[in-house]
């Protein structure tokens, strides 16, 4: 139901209802013609190299490539930039996980995204989902924080 996360919590309710409007946490962008495009959720946006990154935008760019059936992007720790975009990718039929496919996807990322938005790490994996089919990003963030030997790093392909 609506606002179930706020029921019985006056502080969170006040924050969500600031100014008399319900703040959903959804982020959109209005273009010059007045069209609104969904960008993502405020709680999914993260900073990389001091830029705000919307996982939704990066996932959409990855999904433009024929190799990608599904994608989810989360922040990954980085010693220089503090965090960088890491993509978890489910491949389309006919594509094999491995360095050749990773190279193709990093090249695609470089071609379609601004340098500060590029995918810097990549892992081929099934995406954890809720019963309603939403990607459980918290699980991916936890998996990323623990580290993985199965990830590919963009710097290895440049």
N, C-alpha and C. Protein backbone atom coordinates (compact mmCIF):
# COMPACT_ATOMS: atom_id res chain seq x y z
N UNK A 1 0.80 -1.17 0.00
CA UNK A 1 0.00 0.00 0.00
C UNK A 1 0.85 1.25 0.00
N UNK A 2 0.22 2.36 -0.17
CA UNK A 2 0.88 3.65 -0.21
C UNK A 2 1.36 4.04 1.18
N UNK A 3 2.59 4.46 1.29
CA UNK A 3 3.19 5.00 2.51
C UNK A 3 3.33 3.99 3.64
N UNK A 4 3.35 2.70 3.34
CA UNK A 4 3.47 1.71 4.41
C UNK A 4 4.79 1.85 5.16
N UNK A 5 5.82 2.35 4.51
CA UNK A 5 7.11 2.54 5.17
C UNK A 5 7.12 3.71 6.13
N UNK A 6 6.07 4.53 6.12
CA UNK A 6 6.03 5.71 6.97
C UNK A 6 5.02 5.59 8.10
N UNK A 7 4.11 4.63 8.01
CA UNK A 7 3.06 4.48 9.02
C UNK A 7 3.67 4.32 10.41
N UNK A 8 3.25 5.14 11.32
CA UNK A 8 3.73 5.05 12.69
C UNK A 8 5.10 5.67 12.91
N UNK A 9 5.65 6.34 11.91
CA UNK A 9 6.96 6.98 12.03
C UNK A 9 6.79 8.46 11.68
N UNK A 10 6.52 9.29 12.69
CA UNK A 10 6.22 10.71 12.44
C UNK A 10 7.35 11.46 11.71
N UNK A 11 8.60 11.13 12.02
CA UNK A 11 9.72 11.83 11.38
C UNK A 11 9.79 11.52 9.89
N UNK A 12 9.66 10.25 9.53
CA UNK A 12 9.71 9.87 8.11
C UNK A 12 8.48 10.39 7.37
N UNK A 13 7.33 10.40 8.04
CA UNK A 13 6.12 10.93 7.42
C UNK A 13 6.29 12.42 7.14
N UNK A 14 6.82 13.17 8.10
CA UNK A 14 7.03 14.61 7.92
C UNK A 14 8.00 14.86 6.77
N UNK A 15 9.04 14.06 6.67
CA UNK A 15 10.02 14.21 5.58
C UNK A 15 9.37 13.91 4.23
N UNK A 16 8.58 12.86 4.17
CA UNK A 16 7.94 12.47 2.90
C UNK A 16 6.86 13.46 2.49
N UNK A 17 6.24 14.13 3.46
CA UNK A 17 5.14 15.05 3.17
C UNK A 17 5.56 16.52 3.28
N UNK A 18 6.84 16.81 3.20
CA UNK A 18 7.33 18.18 3.33
C UNK A 18 6.65 19.09 2.31
N UNK A 19 6.19 20.23 2.78
CA UNK A 19 5.55 21.19 1.89
C UNK A 19 4.14 20.81 1.48
N UNK A 20 3.58 19.78 2.10
CA UNK A 20 2.22 19.38 1.79
C UNK A 20 2.08 18.46 0.59
N UNK A 21 3.19 18.07 0.00
CA UNK A 21 3.17 17.15 -1.13
C UNK A 21 3.87 15.86 -0.75
N UNK A 22 3.37 14.75 -1.28
CA UNK A 22 4.01 13.46 -1.05
C UNK A 22 5.22 13.35 -1.96
N UNK A 23 6.39 13.22 -1.38
CA UNK A 23 7.64 13.10 -2.13
C UNK A 23 7.95 11.61 -2.30
N UNK A 24 7.75 11.12 -3.50
CA UNK A 24 7.87 9.68 -3.78
C UNK A 24 9.31 9.20 -3.82
N UNK A 25 10.25 10.12 -4.07
CA UNK A 25 11.64 9.71 -4.25
C UNK A 25 11.97 9.42 -5.70
N UNK A 26 10.97 9.55 -6.59
CA UNK A 26 11.22 9.37 -8.02
C UNK A 26 11.85 10.64 -8.58
N UNK A 27 12.76 10.46 -9.54
CA UNK A 27 13.44 11.60 -10.16
C UNK A 27 13.11 11.60 -11.65
N UNK A 28 12.78 12.78 -12.16
CA UNK A 28 12.49 12.92 -13.58
C UNK A 28 13.23 14.11 -14.15
N UNK A 29 13.26 14.19 -15.46
CA UNK A 29 13.87 15.33 -16.15
C UNK A 29 12.91 15.81 -17.22
N UNK A 30 12.75 17.12 -17.31
CA UNK A 30 11.87 17.71 -18.32
C UNK A 30 12.74 18.25 -19.46
N UNK A 31 12.41 17.87 -20.69
CA UNK A 31 13.20 18.33 -21.83
C UNK A 31 12.66 19.67 -22.34
N UNK A 32 13.29 20.22 -23.38
CA UNK A 32 12.92 21.53 -23.91
C UNK A 32 11.48 21.58 -24.42
N UNK A 33 10.93 20.43 -24.82
CA UNK A 33 9.55 20.38 -25.31
C UNK A 33 8.54 20.12 -24.19
N UNK A 34 9.02 20.00 -22.97
CA UNK A 34 8.14 19.79 -21.84
C UNK A 34 7.87 18.34 -21.48
N UNK A 35 8.45 17.41 -22.23
CA UNK A 35 8.26 15.99 -21.93
C UNK A 35 9.07 15.61 -20.70
N UNK A 36 8.48 14.78 -19.86
CA UNK A 36 9.15 14.33 -18.65
C UNK A 36 9.61 12.89 -18.85
N UNK A 37 10.87 12.65 -18.51
CA UNK A 37 11.45 11.31 -18.62
C UNK A 37 11.83 10.84 -17.23
N UNK A 38 11.43 9.63 -16.91
CA UNK A 38 11.79 9.03 -15.62
C UNK A 38 13.29 8.78 -15.60
N UNK A 39 13.97 9.24 -14.55
CA UNK A 39 15.42 9.07 -14.43
C UNK A 39 15.76 7.96 -13.46
N UNK A 40 14.99 7.84 -12.39
CA UNK A 40 15.27 6.79 -11.40
C UNK A 40 14.77 7.20 -10.04
N UNK A 41 15.22 6.50 -9.03
CA UNK A 41 14.84 6.78 -7.65
C UNK A 41 15.96 7.53 -6.96
N UNK A 42 15.60 8.46 -6.10
CA UNK A 42 16.60 9.24 -5.38
C UNK A 42 17.50 8.35 -4.54
N UNK A 43 16.93 7.26 -4.01
CA UNK A 43 17.75 6.38 -3.17
C UNK A 43 18.64 5.45 -3.99
N UNK A 44 18.48 5.43 -5.33
CA UNK A 44 19.36 4.64 -6.20
C UNK A 44 20.50 5.47 -6.76
N UNK A 45 20.32 6.80 -6.83
CA UNK A 45 21.34 7.69 -7.38
C UNK A 45 22.56 7.67 -6.47
N UNK A 46 23.75 7.65 -7.08
CA UNK A 46 24.98 7.66 -6.29
C UNK A 46 25.99 8.61 -6.91
N UNK A 47 27.04 8.94 -6.15
CA UNK A 47 28.08 9.83 -6.64
C UNK A 47 29.30 9.03 -7.06
N UNK A 48 29.86 9.41 -8.20
CA UNK A 48 31.12 8.85 -8.69
C UNK A 48 31.93 10.02 -9.22
N UNK A 49 33.14 10.18 -8.72
CA UNK A 49 33.99 11.31 -9.12
C UNK A 49 33.25 12.63 -8.96
N UNK A 50 32.46 12.74 -7.90
CA UNK A 50 31.72 13.95 -7.56
C UNK A 50 30.57 14.27 -8.52
N UNK A 51 30.20 13.32 -9.38
CA UNK A 51 29.04 13.47 -10.26
C UNK A 51 27.92 12.57 -9.76
N UNK A 52 26.69 13.06 -9.88
CA UNK A 52 25.55 12.21 -9.54
C UNK A 52 25.26 11.28 -10.71
N UNK A 53 25.14 10.00 -10.41
CA UNK A 53 24.93 8.98 -11.43
C UNK A 53 23.57 8.33 -11.21
N UNK A 54 22.78 8.25 -12.27
CA UNK A 54 21.49 7.56 -12.22
C UNK A 54 21.66 6.17 -12.81
N UNK A 55 21.51 5.12 -12.01
CA UNK A 55 21.62 3.76 -12.54
C UNK A 55 20.67 3.52 -13.72
N UNK A 56 19.49 4.08 -13.66
CA UNK A 56 18.49 3.89 -14.72
C UNK A 56 19.04 4.30 -16.08
N UNK A 57 19.72 5.44 -16.13
CA UNK A 57 20.28 5.94 -17.40
C UNK A 57 21.35 4.98 -17.93
N UNK A 58 22.22 4.50 -17.05
CA UNK A 58 23.28 3.60 -17.48
C UNK A 58 22.72 2.24 -17.90
N UNK A 59 21.73 1.76 -17.17
CA UNK A 59 21.07 0.50 -17.53
C UNK A 59 20.40 0.61 -18.89
N UNK A 60 19.74 1.74 -19.13
CA UNK A 60 19.08 1.95 -20.42
C UNK A 60 20.10 1.94 -21.55
N UNK A 61 21.26 2.54 -21.33
CA UNK A 61 22.31 2.55 -22.35
C UNK A 61 22.81 1.13 -22.61
N UNK A 62 22.99 0.34 -21.57
CA UNK A 62 23.44 -1.04 -21.74
C UNK A 62 22.40 -1.87 -22.50
N UNK A 63 21.13 -1.65 -22.18
CA UNK A 63 20.06 -2.42 -22.82
C UNK A 63 19.93 -2.13 -24.31
N UNK A 64 20.54 -1.05 -24.78
CA UNK A 64 20.55 -0.76 -26.21
C UNK A 64 21.42 -1.76 -26.97
N UNK A 65 22.33 -2.44 -26.27
CA UNK A 65 23.22 -3.39 -26.95
C UNK A 65 22.54 -4.75 -27.04
N UNK A 66 22.68 -5.40 -28.17
CA UNK A 66 22.02 -6.68 -28.42
C UNK A 66 22.46 -7.79 -27.47
N UNK A 67 23.62 -7.67 -26.85
CA UNK A 67 24.11 -8.71 -25.95
C UNK A 67 23.42 -8.70 -24.60
N UNK A 68 22.76 -7.60 -24.26
CA UNK A 68 22.23 -7.40 -22.91
C UNK A 68 20.73 -7.68 -22.86
N UNK A 69 20.36 -8.68 -22.05
CA UNK A 69 18.95 -8.98 -21.82
C UNK A 69 18.42 -8.19 -20.63
N UNK A 70 19.24 -8.10 -19.57
CA UNK A 70 18.89 -7.35 -18.37
C UNK A 70 20.16 -6.74 -17.81
N UNK A 71 19.99 -5.61 -17.09
CA UNK A 71 21.15 -4.96 -16.48
C UNK A 71 20.73 -4.23 -15.22
N UNK A 72 21.64 -4.18 -14.27
CA UNK A 72 21.46 -3.38 -13.06
C UNK A 72 22.80 -2.75 -12.74
N UNK A 73 22.78 -1.47 -12.37
CA UNK A 73 24.01 -0.74 -12.06
C UNK A 73 23.96 -0.28 -10.61
N UNK A 74 25.06 -0.51 -9.91
CA UNK A 74 25.21 -0.09 -8.51
C UNK A 74 26.60 0.53 -8.35
N UNK A 75 26.81 1.29 -7.27
CA UNK A 75 28.15 1.83 -7.04
C UNK A 75 29.10 0.75 -6.53
N UNK A 76 30.34 0.80 -7.01
CA UNK A 76 31.39 -0.10 -6.53
C UNK A 76 32.50 0.75 -5.94
N UNK A 77 33.07 0.34 -4.82
CA UNK A 77 34.15 1.12 -4.21
C UNK A 77 35.33 1.28 -5.17
N UNK A 78 35.94 2.46 -5.12
CA UNK A 78 37.10 2.74 -5.97
C UNK A 78 38.07 3.62 -5.18
N UNK A 79 39.35 3.26 -5.14
CA UNK A 79 40.30 4.03 -4.34
C UNK A 79 40.51 5.46 -4.83
N UNK A 80 40.36 5.71 -6.12
CA UNK A 80 40.57 7.04 -6.67
C UNK A 80 39.30 7.88 -6.71
N UNK A 81 38.20 7.29 -7.18
CA UNK A 81 36.95 8.03 -7.39
C UNK A 81 35.93 7.84 -6.27
N UNK A 82 36.28 7.08 -5.25
CA UNK A 82 35.41 6.70 -4.14
C UNK A 82 34.41 5.64 -4.56
N UNK A 83 33.69 5.88 -5.66
CA UNK A 83 32.83 4.83 -6.21
C UNK A 83 32.75 5.00 -7.72
N UNK A 84 32.49 3.88 -8.39
CA UNK A 84 32.35 3.86 -9.85
C UNK A 84 31.16 2.98 -10.21
N UNK A 85 30.57 3.20 -11.38
CA UNK A 85 29.44 2.36 -11.79
C UNK A 85 29.87 0.92 -12.11
N UNK A 86 29.18 -0.02 -11.47
CA UNK A 86 29.39 -1.43 -11.77
C UNK A 86 28.08 -1.99 -12.31
N UNK A 87 28.17 -2.69 -13.43
CA UNK A 87 26.99 -3.28 -14.05
C UNK A 87 26.96 -4.78 -13.81
N UNK A 88 25.79 -5.25 -13.41
CA UNK A 88 25.51 -6.68 -13.38
C UNK A 88 24.66 -6.94 -14.62
N UNK A 89 25.10 -7.87 -15.45
CA UNK A 89 24.46 -8.08 -16.75
C UNK A 89 24.02 -9.52 -16.92
N UNK A 90 22.78 -9.67 -17.38
CA UNK A 90 22.27 -10.97 -17.84
C UNK A 90 22.34 -10.90 -19.36
N UNK A 91 23.04 -11.85 -19.95
CA UNK A 91 23.24 -11.82 -21.39
C UNK A 91 22.06 -12.38 -22.17
N UNK A 92 21.89 -11.84 -23.36
CA UNK A 92 20.89 -12.34 -24.29
C UNK A 92 21.35 -13.69 -24.83
N UNK A 93 20.40 -14.44 -25.33
CA UNK A 93 20.71 -15.75 -25.90
C UNK A 93 21.74 -15.61 -27.02
N UNK A 94 22.71 -16.51 -27.02
CA UNK A 94 23.74 -16.50 -28.04
C UNK A 94 25.02 -15.80 -27.64
N UNK A 95 25.02 -15.14 -26.49
CA UNK A 95 26.20 -14.45 -25.99
C UNK A 95 26.78 -15.23 -24.82
N UNK A 96 28.10 -15.30 -24.75
CA UNK A 96 28.78 -16.03 -23.68
C UNK A 96 29.46 -15.07 -22.72
N UNK A 97 29.33 -15.31 -21.41
CA UNK A 97 30.05 -14.47 -20.46
C UNK A 97 31.55 -14.72 -20.58
N UNK A 98 32.32 -13.67 -20.53
CA UNK A 98 33.76 -13.80 -20.62
C UNK A 98 34.40 -12.51 -21.07
N UNK A 99 35.72 -12.50 -21.19
CA UNK A 99 36.43 -11.26 -21.52
C UNK A 99 36.06 -10.67 -22.88
N UNK A 100 35.76 -11.49 -23.86
CA UNK A 100 35.41 -10.95 -25.18
C UNK A 100 34.11 -10.15 -25.12
N UNK A 101 33.12 -10.70 -24.44
CA UNK A 101 31.84 -9.99 -24.31
C UNK A 101 31.99 -8.77 -23.42
N UNK A 102 32.78 -8.89 -22.35
CA UNK A 102 33.03 -7.73 -21.48
C UNK A 102 33.66 -6.59 -22.28
N UNK A 103 34.62 -6.92 -23.12
CA UNK A 103 35.28 -5.90 -23.95
C UNK A 103 34.27 -5.20 -24.84
N UNK A 104 33.39 -5.96 -25.46
CA UNK A 104 32.36 -5.38 -26.34
C UNK A 104 31.46 -4.43 -25.55
N UNK A 105 31.08 -4.82 -24.34
CA UNK A 105 30.18 -3.97 -23.54
C UNK A 105 30.88 -2.73 -23.00
N UNK A 106 32.16 -2.85 -22.64
CA UNK A 106 32.91 -1.66 -22.23
C UNK A 106 33.05 -0.70 -23.41
N UNK A 107 33.30 -1.22 -24.60
CA UNK A 107 33.39 -0.37 -25.80
C UNK A 107 32.06 0.33 -26.06
N UNK A 108 30.96 -0.39 -25.90
CA UNK A 108 29.63 0.20 -26.07
C UNK A 108 29.42 1.32 -25.05
N UNK A 109 29.79 1.07 -23.81
CA UNK A 109 29.66 2.07 -22.75
C UNK A 109 30.45 3.33 -23.10
N UNK A 110 31.67 3.15 -23.58
CA UNK A 110 32.50 4.30 -23.97
C UNK A 110 31.88 5.07 -25.14
N UNK A 111 31.21 4.37 -26.03
CA UNK A 111 30.63 5.01 -27.22
C UNK A 111 29.36 5.81 -26.91
N UNK A 112 28.59 5.38 -25.92
CA UNK A 112 27.27 6.00 -25.71
C UNK A 112 27.13 6.82 -24.43
N UNK A 113 28.11 6.74 -23.53
CA UNK A 113 28.01 7.45 -22.26
C UNK A 113 29.13 8.47 -22.09
N UNK A 114 28.83 9.55 -21.38
CA UNK A 114 29.87 10.53 -21.04
C UNK A 114 30.95 9.83 -20.21
N UNK A 115 32.19 10.31 -20.29
CA UNK A 115 33.28 9.64 -19.57
C UNK A 115 33.00 9.39 -18.08
N UNK A 116 32.38 10.34 -17.40
CA UNK A 116 32.15 10.16 -15.97
C UNK A 116 31.02 9.16 -15.67
N UNK A 117 30.23 8.80 -16.69
CA UNK A 117 29.12 7.87 -16.49
C UNK A 117 29.45 6.45 -16.93
N UNK A 118 30.59 6.25 -17.57
CA UNK A 118 30.89 4.94 -18.16
C UNK A 118 30.89 3.82 -17.12
N UNK A 119 30.52 2.65 -17.58
CA UNK A 119 30.62 1.45 -16.75
C UNK A 119 32.10 1.17 -16.54
N UNK A 120 32.51 1.04 -15.29
CA UNK A 120 33.92 0.80 -14.98
C UNK A 120 34.18 -0.65 -14.55
N UNK A 121 33.13 -1.29 -14.07
CA UNK A 121 33.23 -2.70 -13.67
C UNK A 121 32.00 -3.42 -14.18
N UNK A 122 32.18 -4.72 -14.43
CA UNK A 122 31.11 -5.50 -15.06
C UNK A 122 31.16 -6.93 -14.54
N UNK A 123 29.99 -7.46 -14.25
CA UNK A 123 29.90 -8.86 -13.82
C UNK A 123 28.69 -9.49 -14.50
N UNK A 124 28.89 -10.68 -15.02
CA UNK A 124 27.78 -11.42 -15.62
C UNK A 124 27.15 -12.27 -14.52
N UNK A 125 25.88 -12.02 -14.23
CA UNK A 125 25.22 -12.72 -13.13
C UNK A 125 23.71 -12.58 -13.26
N UNK A 126 22.98 -13.52 -12.67
CA UNK A 126 21.53 -13.38 -12.57
C UNK A 126 21.23 -12.26 -11.60
N UNK A 127 20.13 -11.58 -11.82
CA UNK A 127 19.75 -10.46 -10.96
C UNK A 127 18.76 -10.92 -9.91
N UNK A 128 19.04 -10.63 -8.63
CA UNK A 128 18.07 -10.98 -7.58
C UNK A 128 16.85 -10.08 -7.71
N UNK A 129 15.66 -10.67 -7.57
CA UNK A 129 14.43 -9.90 -7.75
C UNK A 129 13.44 -10.17 -6.63
N UNK A 130 12.55 -9.20 -6.44
CA UNK A 130 11.45 -9.36 -5.50
C UNK A 130 10.39 -10.23 -6.15
N UNK A 131 9.37 -10.61 -5.39
CA UNK A 131 8.28 -11.41 -5.95
C UNK A 131 7.54 -10.66 -7.06
N UNK A 132 7.59 -9.32 -7.02
CA UNK A 132 6.93 -8.53 -8.06
C UNK A 132 7.84 -8.27 -9.26
N UNK A 133 9.06 -8.80 -9.23
CA UNK A 133 9.96 -8.68 -10.38
C UNK A 133 10.91 -7.51 -10.35
N UNK A 134 10.89 -6.71 -9.27
CA UNK A 134 11.81 -5.58 -9.18
C UNK A 134 13.20 -6.09 -8.78
N UNK A 135 14.22 -5.46 -9.31
CA UNK A 135 15.60 -5.84 -8.99
C UNK A 135 15.91 -5.44 -7.55
N UNK A 136 16.46 -6.37 -6.80
CA UNK A 136 16.85 -6.12 -5.41
C UNK A 136 18.26 -5.53 -5.38
N UNK A 137 18.32 -4.21 -5.57
CA UNK A 137 19.61 -3.53 -5.64
C UNK A 137 20.41 -3.65 -4.36
N UNK A 138 19.72 -3.71 -3.24
CA UNK A 138 20.44 -3.82 -1.97
C UNK A 138 21.30 -5.08 -1.95
N UNK A 139 20.80 -6.17 -2.52
CA UNK A 139 21.59 -7.40 -2.58
C UNK A 139 22.80 -7.22 -3.49
N UNK A 140 22.62 -6.51 -4.58
CA UNK A 140 23.74 -6.26 -5.49
C UNK A 140 24.78 -5.35 -4.84
N UNK A 141 24.31 -4.34 -4.09
CA UNK A 141 25.26 -3.47 -3.37
C UNK A 141 26.05 -4.27 -2.34
N UNK A 142 25.36 -5.16 -1.63
CA UNK A 142 26.04 -6.00 -0.63
C UNK A 142 27.05 -6.92 -1.30
N UNK A 143 26.67 -7.53 -2.41
CA UNK A 143 27.57 -8.41 -3.16
C UNK A 143 28.80 -7.63 -3.63
N UNK A 144 28.57 -6.41 -4.10
CA UNK A 144 29.66 -5.56 -4.59
C UNK A 144 30.60 -5.19 -3.45
N UNK A 145 30.05 -4.86 -2.29
CA UNK A 145 30.87 -4.49 -1.14
C UNK A 145 31.77 -5.64 -0.70
N UNK A 146 31.29 -6.86 -0.85
CA UNK A 146 32.09 -8.03 -0.47
C UNK A 146 33.19 -8.33 -1.48
N UNK A 147 33.06 -7.79 -2.68
CA UNK A 147 34.05 -8.03 -3.72
C UNK A 147 33.76 -9.31 -4.47
N UNK A 148 34.29 -9.39 -5.68
CA UNK A 148 34.04 -10.57 -6.50
C UNK A 148 35.22 -10.78 -7.43
N UNK A 149 35.66 -12.01 -7.53
CA UNK A 149 36.72 -12.34 -8.46
C UNK A 149 36.21 -12.50 -9.87
N UNK A 150 34.89 -12.47 -10.03
CA UNK A 150 34.28 -12.72 -11.34
C UNK A 150 34.02 -11.44 -12.12
N UNK A 151 34.46 -10.29 -11.60
CA UNK A 151 34.16 -9.05 -12.31
C UNK A 151 35.27 -8.70 -13.29
N UNK A 152 34.87 -7.93 -14.30
CA UNK A 152 35.80 -7.40 -15.28
C UNK A 152 35.95 -5.91 -15.02
N UNK A 153 37.16 -5.38 -15.22
CA UNK A 153 37.46 -3.98 -14.95
C UNK A 153 37.77 -3.29 -16.28
N UNK A 154 37.13 -2.13 -16.50
CA UNK A 154 37.30 -1.42 -17.77
C UNK A 154 38.76 -1.18 -18.11
N UNK A 155 39.56 -0.81 -17.13
CA UNK A 155 40.97 -0.50 -17.36
C UNK A 155 41.76 -1.65 -17.97
N UNK A 156 41.28 -2.86 -17.82
CA UNK A 156 41.96 -4.02 -18.40
C UNK A 156 41.71 -4.14 -19.90
N UNK A 157 40.80 -3.31 -20.43
CA UNK A 157 40.42 -3.43 -21.84
C UNK A 157 40.72 -2.16 -22.64
N UNK A 158 41.50 -1.24 -22.08
CA UNK A 158 41.80 0.00 -22.80
C UNK A 158 43.25 0.05 -23.21
